């Protein structure tokens, strides 16, 4: 999932450089959402991992 975040971030940066504002904003928004989802899943797996070891 972090891979998709980086892909959308690169798409947003390229679109911003080329002047496509709407596409850049959309790709950046998707990248932000995917990054937040990744952080939530990472935190959940960390907590689950701690409870299984104890």
PDB file of N, CA and C in Angstrom:
ATOM      1  N   UNK A   1       0.828  -1.189   0.000  1.00  0.00           N
ATOM      2  CA  UNK A   1       0.000   0.000   0.000  1.00  0.00           C
ATOM      3  C   UNK A   1       0.874   1.254   0.000  1.00  0.00           C
ATOM      4  N   UNK A   2       2.000   1.174   0.680  1.00  0.00           N
ATOM      5  CA  UNK A   2       2.907   2.315   0.665  1.00  0.00           C
ATOM      6  C   UNK A   2       3.443   2.548  -0.740  1.00  0.00           C
ATOM      7  N   UNK A   3       3.565   1.488  -1.513  1.00  0.00           N
ATOM      8  CA  UNK A   3       4.007   1.610  -2.906  1.00  0.00           C
ATOM      9  C   UNK A   3       3.020   2.461  -3.712  1.00  0.00           C
ATOM     10  N   UNK A   4       1.736   2.212  -3.539  1.00  0.00           N
ATOM     11  CA  UNK A   4       0.722   2.987  -4.256  1.00  0.00           C
ATOM     12  C   UNK A   4       0.742   4.454  -3.828  1.00  0.00           C
ATOM     13  N   UNK A   5       1.026   4.703  -2.550  1.00  0.00           N
ATOM     14  CA  UNK A   5       1.134   6.071  -2.075  1.00  0.00           C
ATOM     15  C   UNK A   5       2.247   6.810  -2.800  1.00  0.00           C
ATOM     16  N   UNK A   6       3.392   6.151  -2.926  1.00  0.00           N
ATOM     17  CA  UNK A   6       4.527   6.768  -3.619  1.00  0.00           C
ATOM     18  C   UNK A   6       4.205   6.979  -5.097  1.00  0.00           C
ATOM     19  N   UNK A   7       3.519   6.015  -5.715  1.00  0.00           N
ATOM     20  CA  UNK A   7       3.152   6.146  -7.130  1.00  0.00           C
ATOM     21  C   UNK A   7       2.245   7.354  -7.340  1.00  0.00           C
ATOM     22  N   UNK A   8       1.219   7.510  -6.504  1.00  0.00           N
ATOM     23  CA  UNK A   8       0.315   8.646  -6.652  1.00  0.00           C
ATOM     24  C   UNK A   8       1.016   9.958  -6.324  1.00  0.00           C
ATOM     25  N   UNK A   9       1.970   9.933  -5.395  1.00  0.00           N
ATOM     26  CA  UNK A   9       2.730  11.136  -5.093  1.00  0.00           C
ATOM     27  C   UNK A   9       3.572  11.562  -6.295  1.00  0.00           C
ATOM     28  N   UNK A  10       4.203  10.603  -6.960  1.00  0.00           N
ATOM     29  CA  UNK A  10       4.998  10.908  -8.152  1.00  0.00           C
ATOM     30  C   UNK A  10       4.103  11.433  -9.270  1.00  0.00           C
ATOM     31  N   UNK A  11       2.937  10.827  -9.446  1.00  0.00           N
ATOM     32  CA  UNK A  11       1.991  11.304 -10.462  1.00  0.00           C
ATOM     33  C   UNK A  11       1.575  12.737 -10.157  1.00  0.00           C
ATOM     34  N   UNK A  12       1.324  13.029  -8.878  1.00  0.00           N
ATOM     35  CA  UNK A  12       0.926  14.386  -8.489  1.00  0.00           C
ATOM     36  C   UNK A  12       2.046  15.380  -8.762  1.00  0.00           C
ATOM     37  N   UNK A  13       3.271  15.002  -8.472  1.00  0.00           N
ATOM     38  CA  UNK A  13       4.396  15.914  -8.704  1.00  0.00           C
ATOM     39  C   UNK A  13       4.603  16.178 -10.191  1.00  0.00           C
ATOM     40  N   UNK A  14       4.516  15.131 -10.998  1.00  0.00           N
ATOM     41  CA  UNK A  14       4.673  15.295 -12.445  1.00  0.00           C
ATOM     42  C   UNK A  14       3.548  16.160 -13.009  1.00  0.00           C
ATOM     43  N   UNK A  15       2.318  15.900 -12.575  1.00  0.00           N
ATOM     44  CA  UNK A  15       1.182  16.688 -13.061  1.00  0.00           C
ATOM     45  C   UNK A  15       1.303  18.150 -12.626  1.00  0.00           C
ATOM     46  N   UNK A  16       1.817  18.389 -11.423  1.00  0.00           N
ATOM     47  CA  UNK A  16       1.978  19.767 -10.957  1.00  0.00           C
ATOM     48  C   UNK A  16       3.037  20.501 -11.775  1.00  0.00           C
ATOM     49  N   UNK A  17       4.121  19.805 -12.110  1.00  0.00           N
ATOM     50  CA  UNK A  17       5.173  20.425 -12.920  1.00  0.00           C
ATOM     51  C   UNK A  17       4.658  20.761 -14.315  1.00  0.00           C
ATOM     52  N   UNK A  18       3.823  19.889 -14.870  1.00  0.00           N
ATOM     53  CA  UNK A  18       3.302  20.103 -16.210  1.00  0.00           C
ATOM     54  C   UNK A  18       2.105  21.057 -16.233  1.00  0.00           C
ATOM     55  N   UNK A  19       1.605  21.447 -15.084  1.00  0.00           N
ATOM     56  CA  UNK A  19       0.546  22.446 -15.019  1.00  0.00           C
ATOM     57  C   UNK A  19      -0.864  21.897 -14.986  1.00  0.00           C
ATOM     58  N   UNK A  20      -1.024  20.624 -14.725  1.00  0.00           N
ATOM     59  CA  UNK A  20      -2.357  20.031 -14.624  1.00  0.00           C
ATOM     60  C   UNK A  20      -2.800  20.091 -13.164  1.00  0.00           C
ATOM     61  N   UNK A  21      -3.386  21.205 -12.764  1.00  0.00           N
ATOM     62  CA  UNK A  21      -3.723  21.426 -11.364  1.00  0.00           C
ATOM     63  C   UNK A  21      -4.739  20.461 -10.801  1.00  0.00           C
ATOM     64  N   UNK A  22      -5.795  20.195 -11.563  1.00  0.00           N
ATOM     65  CA  UNK A  22      -6.844  19.297 -11.065  1.00  0.00           C
ATOM     66  C   UNK A  22      -6.361  17.874 -10.886  1.00  0.00           C
ATOM     67  N   UNK A  23      -5.593  17.403 -11.841  1.00  0.00           N
ATOM     68  CA  UNK A  23      -5.057  16.038 -11.754  1.00  0.00           C
ATOM     69  C   UNK A  23      -4.070  15.939 -10.605  1.00  0.00           C
ATOM     70  N   UNK A  24      -3.240  16.959 -10.449  1.00  0.00           N
ATOM     71  CA  UNK A  24      -2.252  16.955  -9.369  1.00  0.00           C
ATOM     72  C   UNK A  24      -2.940  16.945  -8.005  1.00  0.00           C
ATOM     73  N   UNK A  25      -3.980  17.727  -7.863  1.00  0.00           N
ATOM     74  CA  UNK A  25      -4.698  17.770  -6.588  1.00  0.00           C
ATOM     75  C   UNK A  25      -5.381  16.437  -6.299  1.00  0.00           C
ATOM     76  N   UNK A  26      -5.954  15.835  -7.318  1.00  0.00           N
ATOM     77  CA  UNK A  26      -6.606  14.543  -7.129  1.00  0.00           C
ATOM     78  C   UNK A  26      -5.619  13.456  -6.753  1.00  0.00           C
ATOM     79  N   UNK A  27      -4.490  13.403  -7.437  1.00  0.00           N
ATOM     80  CA  UNK A  27      -3.488  12.381  -7.134  1.00  0.00           C
ATOM     81  C   UNK A  27      -2.876  12.607  -5.756  1.00  0.00           C
ATOM     82  N   UNK A  28      -2.664  13.860  -5.388  1.00  0.00           N
ATOM     83  CA  UNK A  28      -2.128  14.154  -4.060  1.00  0.00           C
ATOM     84  C   UNK A  28      -3.127  13.761  -2.976  1.00  0.00           C
ATOM     85  N   UNK A  29      -4.398  13.990  -3.222  1.00  0.00           N
ATOM     86  CA  UNK A  29      -5.429  13.587  -2.260  1.00  0.00           C
ATOM     87  C   UNK A  29      -5.476  12.079  -2.078  1.00  0.00           C
ATOM     88  N   UNK A  30      -5.379  11.352  -3.183  1.00  0.00           N
ATOM     89  CA  UNK A  30      -5.362   9.887  -3.105  1.00  0.00           C
ATOM     90  C   UNK A  30      -4.131   9.414  -2.349  1.00  0.00           C
ATOM     91  N   UNK A  31      -2.989  10.036  -2.614  1.00  0.00           N
ATOM     92  CA  UNK A  31      -1.756   9.662  -1.920  1.00  0.00           C
ATOM     93  C   UNK A  31      -1.875   9.893  -0.418  1.00  0.00           C
ATOM     94  N   UNK A  32      -2.504  10.993  -0.018  1.00  0.00           N
ATOM     95  CA  UNK A  32      -2.682  11.275   1.408  1.00  0.00           C
ATOM     96  C   UNK A  32      -3.576  10.231   2.067  1.00  0.00           C
ATOM     97  N   UNK A  33      -4.665   9.894   1.397  1.00  0.00           N
ATOM     98  CA  UNK A  33      -5.593   8.905   1.954  1.00  0.00           C
ATOM     99  C   UNK A  33      -4.915   7.549   2.088  1.00  0.00           C
ATOM    100  N   UNK A  34      -4.200   7.116   1.048  1.00  0.00           N
ATOM    101  CA  UNK A  34      -3.517   5.828   1.107  1.00  0.00           C
ATOM    102  C   UNK A  34      -2.443   5.815   2.188  1.00  0.00           C
ATOM    103  N   UNK A  35      -1.750   6.924   2.368  1.00  0.00           N
ATOM    104  CA  UNK A  35      -0.733   6.988   3.406  1.00  0.00           C
ATOM    105  C   UNK A  35      -1.358   6.875   4.792  1.00  0.00           C
ATOM    106  N   UNK A  36      -2.485   7.537   5.010  1.00  0.00           N
ATOM    107  CA  UNK A  36      -3.164   7.437   6.301  1.00  0.00           C
ATOM    108  C   UNK A  36      -3.665   6.022   6.563  1.00  0.00           C
ATOM    109  N   UNK A  37      -4.194   5.375   5.527  1.00  0.00           N
ATOM    110  CA  UNK A  37      -4.647   3.987   5.672  1.00  0.00           C
ATOM    111  C   UNK A  37      -3.463   3.083   6.003  1.00  0.00           C
ATOM    112  N   UNK A  38      -2.323   3.332   5.332  1.00  0.00           N
ATOM    113  CA  UNK A  38      -1.123   2.561   5.623  1.00  0.00           C
ATOM    114  C   UNK A  38      -0.695   2.738   7.077  1.00  0.00           C
ATOM    115  N   UNK A  39      -0.732   3.973   7.578  1.00  0.00           N
ATOM    116  CA  UNK A  39      -0.341   4.211   8.965  1.00  0.00           C
ATOM    117  C   UNK A  39      -1.261   3.497   9.951  1.00  0.00           C
ATOM    118  N   UNK A  40      -2.555   3.502   9.658  1.00  0.00           N
ATOM    119  CA  UNK A  40      -3.511   2.809  10.536  1.00  0.00           C
ATOM    120  C   UNK A  40      -3.230   1.315  10.547  1.00  0.00           C
ATOM    121  N   UNK A  41      -3.032   0.717   9.373  1.00  0.00           N
ATOM    122  CA  UNK A  41      -2.737  -0.713   9.306  1.00  0.00           C
ATOM    123  C   UNK A  41      -1.408  -1.047   9.978  1.00  0.00           C
ATOM    124  N   UNK A  42      -0.418  -0.184   9.830  1.00  0.00           N
ATOM    125  CA  UNK A  42       0.871  -0.417  10.474  1.00  0.00           C
ATOM    126  C   UNK A  42       0.736  -0.372  11.987  1.00  0.00           C
ATOM    127  N   UNK A  43      -0.034   0.583  12.506  1.00  0.00           N
ATOM    128  CA  UNK A  43      -0.243   0.684  13.947  1.00  0.00           C
ATOM    129  C   UNK A  43      -1.001  -0.530  14.478  1.00  0.00           C
ATOM    130  N   UNK A  44      -2.013  -0.965  13.752  1.00  0.00           N
ATOM    131  CA  UNK A  44      -2.785  -2.140  14.178  1.00  0.00           C
ATOM    132  C   UNK A  44      -1.908  -3.377  14.201  1.00  0.00           C
ATOM    133  N   UNK A  45      -1.108  -3.578  13.166  1.00  0.00           N
ATOM    134  CA  UNK A  45      -0.250  -4.763  13.130  1.00  0.00           C
ATOM    135  C   UNK A  45       0.820  -4.696  14.218  1.00  0.00           C
ATOM    136  N   UNK A  46       1.291  -3.497  14.546  1.00  0.00           N
ATOM    137  CA  UNK A  46       2.262  -3.341  15.621  1.00  0.00           C
ATOM    138  C   UNK A  46       1.652  -3.736  16.963  1.00  0.00           C
ATOM    139  N   UNK A  47       0.443  -3.266  17.218  1.00  0.00           N
ATOM    140  CA  UNK A  47      -0.232  -3.584  18.482  1.00  0.00           C
ATOM    141  C   UNK A  47      -0.536  -5.071  18.561  1.00  0.00           C
ATOM    142  N   UNK A  48      -1.009  -5.655  17.488  1.00  0.00           N
ATOM    143  CA  UNK A  48      -1.310  -7.090  17.471  1.00  0.00           C
ATOM    144  C   UNK A  48      -0.031  -7.894  17.681  1.00  0.00           C
ATOM    145  N   UNK A  49       1.052  -7.458  17.082  1.00  0.00           N
ATOM    146  CA  UNK A  49       2.326  -8.139  17.261  1.00  0.00           C
ATOM    147  C   UNK A  49       2.805  -8.079  18.700  1.00  0.00           C
ATOM    148  N   UNK A  50       2.586  -6.960  19.369  1.00  0.00           N
ATOM    149  CA  UNK A  50       2.984  -6.853  20.767  1.00  0.00           C
ATOM    150  C   UNK A  50       2.145  -7.741  21.675  1.00  0.00           C
ATOM    151  N   UNK A  51       0.859  -7.851  21.382  1.00  0.00           N
ATOM    152  CA  UNK A  51      -0.001  -8.668  22.237  1.00  0.00           C
ATOM    153  C   UNK A  51       0.254 -10.154  22.041  1.00  0.00           C
ATOM    154  N   UNK A  52       0.656 -10.584  20.867  1.00  0.00           N
ATOM    155  CA  UNK A  52       0.920 -12.010  20.632  1.00  0.00           C
ATOM    156  C   UNK A  52       2.218 -12.468  21.271  1.00  0.00           C
ATOM    157  N   UNK A  53       3.203 -11.586  21.392  1.00  0.00           N
ATOM    158  CA  UNK A  53       4.480 -11.959  21.989  1.00  0.00           C
ATOM    159  C   UNK A  53       4.370 -12.045  23.506  1.00  0.00           C
ATOM    160  N   UNK A  54       3.478 -11.269  24.097  1.00  0.00           N
ATOM    161  CA  UNK A  54       3.371 -11.189  25.553  1.00  0.00           C
ATOM    162  C   UNK A  54       2.582 -12.252  26.126  1.00  0.00           C
TER     163      UNK A  54
END
